[in-house]
Amino acid sequence: KKKEKKKEEKKEEVTQDEAAAGLSALFD
């Protein structure tokens, strides 16, 4: 179950990364 939690954390990280990329595109 510990692995599952890590996977969820990584998913959140990717979402944040995508959000940051979206903001970068807006300000580009």
N, C-alpha and C. Protein backbone atom coordinates (compact mmCIF):
# COMPACT_ATOMS: atom_id res chain seq x y z
N LYS A 1 0.85 -1.21 0.00
CA LYS A 1 0.00 0.00 0.00
C LYS A 1 0.88 1.26 0.00
N LYS A 2 2.10 1.11 0.50
CA LYS A 2 2.97 2.29 0.55
C LYS A 2 3.28 2.75 -0.89
N LYS A 3 3.43 1.78 -1.78
CA LYS A 3 3.75 2.12 -3.18
C LYS A 3 2.58 2.91 -3.79
N GLU A 4 1.37 2.50 -3.46
CA GLU A 4 0.20 3.18 -4.02
C GLU A 4 0.20 4.66 -3.64
N LYS A 5 0.52 4.92 -2.37
CA LYS A 5 0.52 6.30 -1.90
C LYS A 5 1.56 7.12 -2.68
N LYS A 6 2.71 6.50 -2.92
CA LYS A 6 3.77 7.21 -3.65
C LYS A 6 3.28 7.55 -5.06
N LYS A 7 2.54 6.61 -5.66
CA LYS A 7 2.04 6.84 -7.01
C LYS A 7 1.10 8.04 -7.02
N GLU A 8 0.26 8.12 -6.00
CA GLU A 8 -0.68 9.25 -5.92
C GLU A 8 0.08 10.56 -5.79
N GLU A 9 1.13 10.53 -4.95
CA GLU A 9 1.92 11.74 -4.76
C GLU A 9 2.53 12.19 -6.09
N LYS A 10 3.05 11.22 -6.82
CA LYS A 10 3.68 11.55 -8.10
C LYS A 10 2.63 12.15 -9.06
N LYS A 11 1.43 11.60 -9.02
CA LYS A 11 0.37 12.09 -9.90
C LYS A 11 0.10 13.57 -9.59
N GLU A 12 0.07 13.90 -8.31
CA GLU A 12 -0.17 15.30 -7.92
C GLU A 12 0.97 16.18 -8.44
N GLU A 13 2.19 15.65 -8.33
CA GLU A 13 3.35 16.41 -8.79
C GLU A 13 3.23 16.71 -10.28
N VAL A 14 2.83 15.72 -11.04
CA VAL A 14 2.69 15.90 -12.49
C VAL A 14 1.61 16.95 -12.76
N THR A 15 0.53 16.88 -12.00
CA THR A 15 -0.56 17.86 -12.20
C THR A 15 -0.04 19.27 -11.96
N GLN A 16 0.75 19.43 -10.89
CA GLN A 16 1.30 20.75 -10.59
C GLN A 16 2.22 21.19 -11.71
N ASP A 17 3.01 20.24 -12.22
CA ASP A 17 3.94 20.54 -13.30
C ASP A 17 3.16 21.01 -14.52
N GLU A 18 2.08 20.30 -14.83
CA GLU A 18 1.27 20.67 -15.99
C GLU A 18 0.65 22.05 -15.78
N ALA A 19 0.19 22.32 -14.58
CA ALA A 19 -0.40 23.63 -14.27
C ALA A 19 0.64 24.72 -14.46
N ALA A 20 1.85 24.47 -13.99
CA ALA A 20 2.94 25.45 -14.13
C ALA A 20 3.23 25.67 -15.61
N ALA A 21 3.23 24.60 -16.38
CA ALA A 21 3.50 24.72 -17.81
C ALA A 21 2.39 25.54 -18.46
N GLY A 22 1.16 25.33 -18.03
CA GLY A 22 0.04 26.09 -18.58
C GLY A 22 0.21 27.57 -18.27
N LEU A 23 0.62 27.89 -17.05
CA LEU A 23 0.80 29.29 -16.68
C LEU A 23 1.93 29.90 -17.51
N SER A 24 3.00 29.12 -17.68
CA SER A 24 4.13 29.61 -18.48
C SER A 24 3.65 29.96 -19.88
N ALA A 25 2.79 29.12 -20.44
CA ALA A 25 2.29 29.35 -21.79
C ALA A 25 1.47 30.65 -21.82
N LEU A 26 0.72 30.89 -20.76
CA LEU A 26 -0.11 32.09 -20.71
C LEU A 26 0.75 33.35 -20.68
N PHE A 27 1.84 33.28 -19.91
CA PHE A 27 2.69 34.46 -19.77
C PHE A 27 3.74 34.57 -20.86
N ASP A 28 3.84 33.54 -21.71
CA ASP A 28 4.87 33.56 -22.74
C ASP A 28 4.55 34.67 -23.75
